[in-house]
Amino acid sequence: MKSLTSDPQLPTRNPHATVVEVQNLVYAYSNQEPVLRDISFTLKAGDRVALMGATGSGKSTLLDNLIGLKQPRSGKIWIHGIPVEPKTLPQVRRYIGFGFQDPNDQLFMPTILEDITFGPRNYGVPPAVAIDRARQLLADFGLEAYANRSAHELSGGQRRLACLAAILALEPAILILDEPTNGLDPAWRRYLAQVLLKLPVQVMLIASHELQWLGKVTQRALVLSGGCIQIDSDIQPLLQNGETLDRLGLPIDW
């Protein structure tokens, strides 16, 4: 895959730089007990991280806090040293590419080509440059023939790739994906993994229940349980520890 053009607005890609920092994050829905309790972790340049946890453990809620869709009750999040708060969201979101669970939440233009050029054009990228970038991504993902079709004419796997292309057209430093393999058959899961492994992003954070798939695309695991991060470790030893995974509601073979 062709490397994306570097954006002069993005920080230098220092291999040891802290990219995402979360300290003592607490989040609760109205009049309820906290869903997230005292969450702290750091992501550095080069990190490819799995966010794991049973259904209802708070994975999507944590991701929503990272991009400012939800505001924590207490604690702090920094993206490239910038605190995530309402007044900084336009700047912070410029660094992040976020993929929702449902690709239909992101594909809304009449054609896939327009979906992919929408973000860059909103950020002032000249139309010709945005179109060239979109066509390169379509070629990278094998979607050239679908450029002028709507999302409804694509398969589930193709919609996932079209969403990823729309995200990457913004040339983000950080890629955050929420359940990217939902609805994909094994061949599409393998293809998506191959695509992700080639991406020139600083940090990748992926929430998924597909544990074996996560083992192929990430190196580190954060495991949420009881509102807290119970494990922060290399992913491969964790995937070999069936007893621990069972205890956390993540049986490896089911």
C-alpha atoms as a PDB file:
ATOM      1  CA  MET A   1       0.000   0.000   0.000  1.00  0.00           C
ATOM      2  CA  LYS A   2       1.246   3.448  -0.889  1.00  0.00           C
ATOM      3  CA  SER A   3       2.263   5.494   2.121  1.00  0.00           C
ATOM      4  CA  LEU A   4      -0.010   8.445   2.831  1.00  0.00           C
ATOM      5  CA  THR A   5       1.370  11.928   2.402  1.00  0.00           C
ATOM      6  CA  SER A   6       2.504  13.357   5.732  1.00  0.00           C
ATOM      7  CA  ASP A   7       0.453  16.286   7.006  1.00  0.00           C
ATOM      8  CA  PRO A   8       2.556  19.273   8.128  1.00  0.00           C
ATOM      9  CA  GLN A   9       0.060  19.938  10.933  1.00  0.00           C
ATOM     10  CA  LEU A  10       0.793  16.602  12.596  1.00  0.00           C
ATOM     11  CA  PRO A  11       3.563  16.224  15.200  1.00  0.00           C
ATOM     12  CA  THR A  12       6.905  14.712  14.245  1.00  0.00           C
ATOM     13  CA  ARG A  13       6.782  10.929  14.378  1.00  0.00           C
ATOM     14  CA  ASN A  14       9.216  10.485  17.254  1.00  0.00           C
ATOM     15  CA  PRO A  15       9.441   6.716  17.857  1.00  0.00           C
ATOM     16  CA  HIS A  16       9.391   7.258  21.627  1.00  0.00           C
ATOM     17  CA  ALA A  17       6.785  10.016  21.828  1.00  0.00           C
ATOM     18  CA  THR A  18       3.708   9.709  24.008  1.00  0.00           C
ATOM     19  CA  VAL A  19       0.705  10.027  21.702  1.00  0.00           C
ATOM     20  CA  VAL A  20      -2.251   9.271  24.001  1.00  0.00           C
ATOM     21  CA  GLU A  21      -2.272   9.639  27.771  1.00  0.00           C
ATOM     22  CA  VAL A  22      -5.195   8.857  30.055  1.00  0.00           C
ATOM     23  CA  GLN A  23      -5.047   9.571  33.796  1.00  0.00           C
ATOM     24  CA  ASN A  24      -7.608   8.546  36.420  1.00  0.00           C
ATOM     25  CA  LEU A  25     -10.558   8.671  34.036  1.00  0.00           C
ATOM     26  CA  VAL A  26     -14.007   8.205  35.575  1.00  0.00           C
ATOM     27  CA  TYR A  27     -17.169   8.157  33.472  1.00  0.00           C
ATOM     28  CA  ALA A  28     -20.784   7.590  34.502  1.00  0.00           C
ATOM     29  CA  TYR A  29     -24.100   7.923  32.726  1.00  0.00           C
ATOM     30  CA  SER A  30     -26.660  10.199  34.402  1.00  0.00           C
ATOM     31  CA  ASN A  31     -27.621   9.103  37.923  1.00  0.00           C
ATOM     32  CA  GLN A  32     -25.772   5.781  37.552  1.00  0.00           C
ATOM     33  CA  GLU A  33     -22.702   4.177  39.017  1.00  0.00           C
ATOM     34  CA  PRO A  34     -19.495   4.776  37.021  1.00  0.00           C
ATOM     35  CA  VAL A  35     -19.002   2.616  33.950  1.00  0.00           C
ATOM     36  CA  LEU A  36     -15.292   3.486  33.916  1.00  0.00           C
ATOM     37  CA  ARG A  37     -13.333   3.818  37.170  1.00  0.00           C
ATOM     38  CA  ASP A  38      -9.855   5.274  37.508  1.00  0.00           C
ATOM     39  CA  ILE A  39      -8.696   4.370  33.983  1.00  0.00           C
ATOM     40  CA  SER A  40      -5.036   5.182  33.299  1.00  0.00           C
ATOM     41  CA  PHE A  41      -2.776   4.172  30.406  1.00  0.00           C
ATOM     42  CA  THR A  42      -0.320   5.595  27.882  1.00  0.00           C
ATOM     43  CA  LEU A  43       0.023   4.863  24.164  1.00  0.00           C
ATOM     44  CA  LYS A  44       3.330   5.658  22.483  1.00  0.00           C
ATOM     45  CA  ALA A  45       4.249   6.002  18.833  1.00  0.00           C
ATOM     46  CA  GLY A  46       4.328   2.556  17.225  1.00  0.00           C
ATOM     47  CA  ASP A  47       1.798   0.993  19.608  1.00  0.00           C
ATOM     48  CA  ARG A  48      -0.819  -1.339  18.130  1.00  0.00           C
ATOM     49  CA  VAL A  49      -3.187  -2.067  20.985  1.00  0.00           C
ATOM     50  CA  ALA A  50      -6.224  -4.301  21.466  1.00  0.00           C
ATOM     51  CA  LEU A  51      -8.991  -3.079  23.755  1.00  0.00           C
ATOM     52  CA  MET A  52     -10.662  -6.192  25.104  1.00  0.00           C
ATOM     53  CA  GLY A  53     -13.493  -6.884  27.495  1.00  0.00           C
ATOM     54  CA  ALA A  54     -16.820  -8.670  27.802  1.00  0.00           C
ATOM     55  CA  THR A  55     -19.988  -7.091  26.431  1.00  0.00           C
ATOM     56  CA  GLY A  56     -20.929  -4.146  28.631  1.00  0.00           C
ATOM     57  CA  SER A  57     -17.431  -3.667  30.026  1.00  0.00           C
ATOM     58  CA  GLY A  58     -17.211  -0.108  28.707  1.00  0.00           C
ATOM     59  CA  LYS A  59     -15.008  -0.439  25.612  1.00  0.00           C
ATOM     60  CA  SER A  60     -17.123   1.792  23.365  1.00  0.00           C
ATOM     61  CA  THR A  61     -17.646   4.253  26.217  1.00  0.00           C
ATOM     62  CA  LEU A  62     -13.884   4.555  26.677  1.00  0.00           C
ATOM     63  CA  LEU A  63     -13.361   5.134  22.960  1.00  0.00           C
ATOM     64  CA  ASP A  64     -16.084   7.788  22.954  1.00  0.00           C
ATOM     65  CA  ASN A  65     -14.262   9.565  25.788  1.00  0.00           C
ATOM     66  CA  LEU A  66     -10.982   9.488  23.871  1.00  0.00           C
ATOM     67  CA  ILE A  67     -12.495  11.413  20.960  1.00  0.00           C
ATOM     68  CA  GLY A  68     -14.630  13.714  23.053  1.00  0.00           C
ATOM     69  CA  LEU A  69     -18.036  12.273  22.202  1.00  0.00           C
ATOM     70  CA  LYS A  70     -18.497  11.789  25.939  1.00  0.00           C
ATOM     71  CA  GLN A  71     -17.072  13.919  28.744  1.00  0.00           C
ATOM     72  CA  PRO A  72     -15.628  12.184  31.829  1.00  0.00           C
ATOM     73  CA  ARG A  73     -16.819  12.915  35.341  1.00  0.00           C
ATOM     74  CA  SER A  74     -13.188  13.280  36.365  1.00  0.00           C
ATOM     75  CA  GLY A  75      -9.697  12.505  35.115  1.00  0.00           C
ATOM     76  CA  LYS A  76      -7.805  13.714  32.066  1.00  0.00           C
ATOM     77  CA  ILE A  77      -7.053  12.666  28.496  1.00  0.00           C
ATOM     78  CA  TRP A  78      -4.268  14.164  26.382  1.00  0.00           C
ATOM     79  CA  ILE A  79      -3.742  13.640  22.651  1.00  0.00           C
ATOM     80  CA  HIS A  80      -0.233  14.722  21.630  1.00  0.00           C
ATOM     81  CA  GLY A  81      -0.116  16.727  24.839  1.00  0.00           C
ATOM     82  CA  ILE A  82      -3.386  18.540  24.134  1.00  0.00           C
ATOM     83  CA  PRO A  83      -6.068  18.051  26.814  1.00  0.00           C
ATOM     84  CA  VAL A  84      -9.278  16.619  25.389  1.00  0.00           C
ATOM     85  CA  GLU A  85     -11.966  19.128  26.326  1.00  0.00           C
ATOM     86  CA  PRO A  86     -14.758  20.914  24.445  1.00  0.00           C
ATOM     87  CA  LYS A  87     -12.649  23.870  23.307  1.00  0.00           C
ATOM     88  CA  THR A  88      -9.848  21.658  21.917  1.00  0.00           C
ATOM     89  CA  LEU A  89     -11.981  19.051  20.131  1.00  0.00           C
ATOM     90  CA  PRO A  90     -11.530  20.447  16.590  1.00  0.00           C
ATOM     91  CA  GLN A  91      -7.753  20.312  17.027  1.00  0.00           C
ATOM     92  CA  VAL A  92      -7.690  16.934  18.767  1.00  0.00           C
ATOM     93  CA  ARG A  93      -9.972  15.274  16.230  1.00  0.00           C
ATOM     94  CA  ARG A  94      -7.681  16.372  13.435  1.00  0.00           C
ATOM     95  CA  TYR A  95      -5.198  13.783  14.704  1.00  0.00           C
ATOM     96  CA  ILE A  96      -7.675  10.906  15.099  1.00  0.00           C
ATOM     97  CA  GLY A  97      -9.367   8.615  12.617  1.00  0.00           C
ATOM     98  CA  PHE A  98     -12.325   6.913  14.296  1.00  0.00           C
ATOM     99  CA  GLY A  99     -14.281   3.960  12.909  1.00  0.00           C
ATOM    100  CA  PHE A 100     -17.736   3.352  14.403  1.00  0.00           C
ATOM    101  CA  GLN A 101     -19.175  -0.129  14.856  1.00  0.00           C
ATOM    102  CA  ASP A 102     -21.726   0.427  12.081  1.00  0.00           C
ATOM    103  CA  PRO A 103     -20.196   1.585   8.770  1.00  0.00           C
ATOM    104  CA  ASN A 104     -23.561   3.067   7.801  1.00  0.00           C
ATOM    105  CA  ASP A 105     -22.929   5.741  10.451  1.00  0.00           C
ATOM    106  CA  GLN A 106     -20.030   7.027   8.337  1.00  0.00           C
ATOM    107  CA  LEU A 107     -21.073   6.462   4.727  1.00  0.00           C
ATOM    108  CA  PHE A 108     -23.799   8.956   3.860  1.00  0.00           C
ATOM    109  CA  MET A 109     -22.861  10.609   0.551  1.00  0.00           C
ATOM    110  CA  PRO A 110     -24.385   9.564  -2.799  1.00  0.00           C
ATOM    111  CA  THR A 111     -21.170   7.770  -3.872  1.00  0.00           C
ATOM    112  CA  ILE A 112     -18.191   6.153  -2.173  1.00  0.00           C
ATOM    113  CA  LEU A 113     -15.813   8.589  -3.893  1.00  0.00           C
ATOM    114  CA  GLU A 114     -17.728  11.506  -2.366  1.00  0.00           C
ATOM    115  CA  ASP A 115     -17.658   9.822   1.051  1.00  0.00           C
ATOM    116  CA  ILE A 116     -13.869   9.550   0.902  1.00  0.00           C
ATOM    117  CA  THR A 117     -13.307  13.118  -0.315  1.00  0.00           C
ATOM    118  CA  PHE A 118     -15.813  14.641   2.137  1.00  0.00           C
ATOM    119  CA  GLY A 119     -13.452  14.882   5.130  1.00  0.00           C
ATOM    120  CA  PRO A 120     -10.390  16.261   3.320  1.00  0.00           C
ATOM    121  CA  ARG A 121     -12.472  18.863   1.501  1.00  0.00           C
ATOM    122  CA  ASN A 122     -13.965  19.978   4.816  1.00  0.00           C
ATOM    123  CA  TYR A 123     -10.411  20.562   6.040  1.00  0.00           C
ATOM    124  CA  GLY A 124      -9.580  22.685   3.023  1.00  0.00           C
ATOM    125  CA  VAL A 125      -7.743  20.133   0.886  1.00  0.00           C
ATOM    126  CA  PRO A 126      -8.051  21.212  -2.780  1.00  0.00           C
ATOM    127  CA  PRO A 127     -10.683  19.127  -4.623  1.00  0.00           C
ATOM    128  CA  ALA A 128      -8.188  17.693  -7.128  1.00  0.00           C
ATOM    129  CA  VAL A 129      -5.858  16.587  -4.320  1.00  0.00           C
ATOM    130  CA  ALA A 130      -8.748  15.081  -2.346  1.00  0.00           C
ATOM    131  CA  ILE A 131      -9.927  13.131  -5.400  1.00  0.00           C
ATOM    132  CA  ASP A 132      -6.416  11.853  -6.179  1.00  0.00           C
ATOM    133  CA  ARG A 133      -6.025  10.739  -2.560  1.00  0.00           C
ATOM    134  CA  ALA A 134      -9.422   9.020  -2.625  1.00  0.00           C
ATOM    135  CA  ARG A 135      -8.700   7.189  -5.876  1.00  0.00           C
ATOM    136  CA  GLN A 136      -5.375   5.948  -4.493  1.00  0.00           C
ATOM    137  CA  LEU A 137      -7.117   4.577  -1.407  1.00  0.00           C
ATOM    138  CA  LEU A 138      -9.825   2.965  -3.518  1.00  0.00           C
ATOM    139  CA  ALA A 139      -7.076   1.280  -5.545  1.00  0.00           C
ATOM    140  CA  ASP A 140      -5.258   0.191  -2.373  1.00  0.00           C
ATOM    141  CA  PHE A 141      -8.453  -1.446  -1.092  1.00  0.00           C
ATOM    142  CA  GLY A 142      -9.580  -2.958  -4.386  1.00  0.00           C
ATOM    143  CA  LEU A 143     -12.628  -0.710  -4.616  1.00  0.00           C
ATOM    144  CA  GLU A 144     -11.871   1.209  -7.821  1.00  0.00           C
ATOM    145  CA  ALA A 145     -14.899  -0.253  -9.579  1.00  0.00           C
ATOM    146  CA  TYR A 146     -17.199   1.008  -6.823  1.00  0.00           C
ATOM    147  CA  ALA A 147     -16.094   4.657  -6.757  1.00  0.00           C
ATOM    148  CA  ASN A 148     -19.357   5.928  -8.207  1.00  0.00           C
ATOM    149  CA  ARG A 149     -21.662   3.554  -6.376  1.00  0.00           C
ATOM    150  CA  SER A 150     -23.481   4.137  -3.116  1.00  0.00           C
ATOM    151  CA  ALA A 151     -22.607   2.325   0.103  1.00  0.00           C
ATOM    152  CA  HIS A 152     -25.832   0.296  -0.172  1.00  0.00           C
ATOM    153  CA  GLU A 153     -24.458  -1.428  -3.274  1.00  0.00           C
ATOM    154  CA  LEU A 154     -21.397  -2.754  -1.444  1.00  0.00           C
ATOM    155  CA  SER A 155     -21.016  -5.892   0.633  1.00  0.00           C
ATOM    156  CA  GLY A 156     -20.429  -5.636   4.369  1.00  0.00           C
ATOM    157  CA  GLY A 157     -16.694  -6.139   3.925  1.00  0.00           C
ATOM    158  CA  GLN A 158     -16.495  -3.562   1.168  1.00  0.00           C
ATOM    159  CA  ARG A 159     -18.357  -1.029   3.312  1.00  0.00           C
ATOM    160  CA  ARG A 160     -15.844  -1.600   6.100  1.00  0.00           C
ATOM    161  CA  LEU A 161     -12.983  -0.891   3.711  1.00  0.00           C
ATOM    162  CA  ALA A 162     -14.753   2.157   2.291  1.00  0.00           C
ATOM    163  CA  CYS A 163     -15.107   3.507   5.848  1.00  0.00           C
ATOM    164  CA  LEU A 164     -11.434   2.886   6.482  1.00  0.00           C
ATOM    165  CA  ALA A 165     -10.553   4.668   3.248  1.00  0.00           C
ATOM    166  CA  ALA A 166     -12.686   7.664   4.293  1.00  0.00           C
ATOM    167  CA  ILE A 167     -10.853   7.762   7.632  1.00  0.00           C
ATOM    168  CA  LEU A 168      -7.391   7.422   6.099  1.00  0.00           C
ATOM    169  CA  ALA A 169      -8.115  10.152   3.563  1.00  0.00           C
ATOM    170  CA  LEU A 170      -7.761  12.525   6.518  1.00  0.00           C
ATOM    171  CA  GLU A 171      -4.249  11.136   7.122  1.00  0.00           C
ATOM    172  CA  PRO A 172      -4.712  10.647  10.875  1.00  0.00           C
ATOM    173  CA  ALA A 173      -1.857  10.019  13.287  1.00  0.00           C
ATOM    174  CA  ILE A 174      -4.097   7.837  15.472  1.00  0.00           C
ATOM    175  CA  LEU A 175      -6.503   5.154  14.257  1.00  0.00           C
ATOM    176  CA  ILE A 176      -9.258   4.003  16.630  1.00  0.00           C
ATOM    177  CA  LEU A 177     -11.632   1.242  15.491  1.00  0.00           C
ATOM    178  CA  ASP A 178     -14.689  -0.056  17.340  1.00  0.00           C
ATOM    179  CA  GLU A 179     -15.521  -3.686  16.445  1.00  0.00           C
ATOM    180  CA  PRO A 180     -14.196  -3.422  12.861  1.00  0.00           C
ATOM    181  CA  THR A 181     -14.804  -7.118  12.079  1.00  0.00           C
ATOM    182  CA  ASN A 182     -18.528  -7.130  12.902  1.00  0.00           C
ATOM    183  CA  GLY A 183     -20.387  -8.953  10.155  1.00  0.00           C
ATOM    184  CA  LEU A 184     -17.254  -9.975   8.236  1.00  0.00           C
ATOM    185  CA  ASP A 185     -16.584 -13.513   7.072  1.00  0.00           C
ATOM    186  CA  PRO A 186     -13.105 -15.046   7.608  1.00  0.00           C
ATOM    187  CA  ALA A 187     -11.781 -13.990   4.186  1.00  0.00           C
ATOM    188  CA  TRP A 188     -12.749 -10.362   4.781  1.00  0.00           C
ATOM    189  CA  ARG A 189     -11.316 -10.456   8.330  1.00  0.00           C
ATOM    190  CA  ARG A 190      -8.003 -11.676   6.926  1.00  0.00           C
ATOM    191  CA  TYR A 191      -7.999  -8.988   4.231  1.00  0.00           C
ATOM    192  CA  LEU A 192      -8.784  -6.267   6.768  1.00  0.00           C
ATOM    193  CA  ALA A 193      -5.905  -7.485   8.940  1.00  0.00           C
ATOM    194  CA  GLN A 194      -3.541  -7.327   5.972  1.00  0.00           C
ATOM    195  CA  VAL A 195      -4.637  -3.755   5.263  1.00  0.00           C
ATOM    196  CA  LEU A 196      -4.263  -2.624   8.875  1.00  0.00           C
ATOM    197  CA  LEU A 197      -0.764  -4.064   9.209  1.00  0.00           C
ATOM    198  CA  LYS A 198       0.440  -1.820   6.363  1.00  0.00           C
ATOM    199  CA  LEU A 199      -1.028   1.454   7.569  1.00  0.00           C
ATOM    200  CA  PRO A 200       1.393   4.325   8.317  1.00  0.00           C
ATOM    201  CA  VAL A 201      -0.270   5.537  11.515  1.00  0.00           C
ATOM    202  CA  GLN A 202       1.440   6.345  14.798  1.00  0.00           C
ATOM    203  CA  VAL A 203      -0.963   4.527  17.098  1.00  0.00           C
ATOM    204  CA  MET A 204      -3.702   1.972  16.487  1.00  0.00           C
ATOM    205  CA  LEU A 205      -6.325   1.093  19.127  1.00  0.00           C
ATOM    206  CA  ILE A 206      -8.878  -1.578  18.234  1.00  0.00           C
ATOM    207  CA  ALA A 207     -11.825  -2.754  20.323  1.00  0.00           C
ATOM    208  CA  SER A 208     -13.030  -6.207  19.329  1.00  0.00           C
ATOM    209  CA  HIS A 209     -14.323  -9.535  20.621  1.00  0.00           C
ATOM    210  CA  GLU A 210     -12.379 -11.404  17.896  1.00  0.00           C
ATOM    211  CA  LEU A 211      -9.472 -12.404  20.116  1.00  0.00           C
ATOM    212  CA  GLN A 212      -7.498 -14.489  17.628  1.00  0.00           C
ATOM    213  CA  TRP A 213      -7.894 -11.773  14.992  1.00  0.00           C
ATOM    214  CA  LEU A 214      -6.645  -9.168  17.461  1.00  0.00           C
ATOM    215  CA  GLY A 215      -3.609 -11.363  18.028  1.00  0.00           C
ATOM    216  CA  LYS A 216      -2.706 -10.957  14.358  1.00  0.00           C
ATOM    217  CA  VAL A 217      -2.983  -7.154  14.168  1.00  0.00           C
ATOM    218  CA  THR A 218      -1.955  -5.901  17.638  1.00  0.00           C
ATOM    219  CA  GLN A 219       0.942  -6.407  20.029  1.00  0.00           C
ATOM    220  CA  ARG A 220      -0.486  -5.209  23.334  1.00  0.00           C
ATOM    221  CA  ALA A 221      -3.776  -5.748  25.150  1.00  0.00           C
ATOM    222  CA  LEU A 222      -5.763  -3.579  27.529  1.00  0.00           C
ATOM    223  CA  VAL A 223      -8.521  -5.606  29.193  1.00  0.00           C
ATOM    224  CA  LEU A 224     -11.511  -3.865  30.777  1.00  0.00           C
ATOM    225  CA  SER A 225     -13.499  -5.552  33.518  1.00  0.00           C
ATOM    226  CA  GLY A 226     -15.508  -4.105  36.379  1.00  0.00           C
ATOM    227  CA  GLY A 227     -14.945  -0.632  34.969  1.00  0.00           C
ATOM    228  CA  CYS A 228     -11.170  -0.884  35.367  1.00  0.00           C
ATOM    229  CA  ILE A 229      -8.221  -1.959  33.259  1.00  0.00           C
ATOM    230  CA  GLN A 230      -7.441  -5.324  34.802  1.00  0.00           C
ATOM    231  CA  ILE A 231      -4.637  -6.265  32.401  1.00  0.00           C
ATOM    232  CA  ASP A 232      -2.118  -4.262  30.365  1.00  0.00           C
ATOM    233  CA  SER A 233       0.273  -6.727  28.759  1.00  0.00           C
ATOM    234  CA  ASP A 234       1.653  -8.217  25.565  1.00  0.00           C
ATOM    235  CA  ILE A 235      -1.236  -9.844  23.765  1.00  0.00           C
ATOM    236  CA  GLN A 236       0.312 -13.195  22.808  1.00  0.00           C
ATOM    237  CA  PRO A 237       0.942 -14.503  26.358  1.00  0.00           C
ATOM    238  CA  LEU A 238      -2.552 -13.373  27.308  1.00  0.00           C
ATOM    239  CA  LEU A 239      -4.131 -15.312  24.430  1.00  0.00           C
ATOM    240  CA  GLN A 240      -2.365 -18.425  25.717  1.00  0.00           C
ATOM    241  CA  ASN A 241      -3.839 -17.973  29.201  1.00  0.00           C
ATOM    242  CA  GLY A 242      -7.277 -19.535  28.853  1.00  0.00           C
ATOM    243  CA  GLU A 243      -7.968 -19.481  32.585  1.00  0.00           C
ATOM    244  CA  THR A 244      -7.479 -15.711  32.825  1.00  0.00           C
ATOM    245  CA  LEU A 245      -9.544 -15.087  29.700  1.00  0.00           C
ATOM    246  CA  ASP A 246     -12.367 -17.259  31.051  1.00  0.00           C
ATOM    247  CA  ARG A 247     -12.324 -15.340  34.314  1.00  0.00           C
ATOM    248  CA  LEU A 248     -12.668 -12.073  32.410  1.00  0.00           C
ATOM    249  CA  GLY A 249     -15.597 -13.344  30.316  1.00  0.00           C
ATOM    250  CA  LEU A 250     -13.473 -13.845  27.201  1.00  0.00           C
ATOM    251  CA  PRO A 251     -13.291 -17.596  26.512  1.00  0.00           C
ATOM    252  CA  ILE A 252     -10.844 -18.004  23.686  1.00  0.00           C
ATOM    253  CA  ASP A 253     -12.572 -20.822  21.809  1.00  0.00           C
ATOM    254  CA  TRP A 254     -16.104 -19.444  21.713  1.00  0.00           C
END
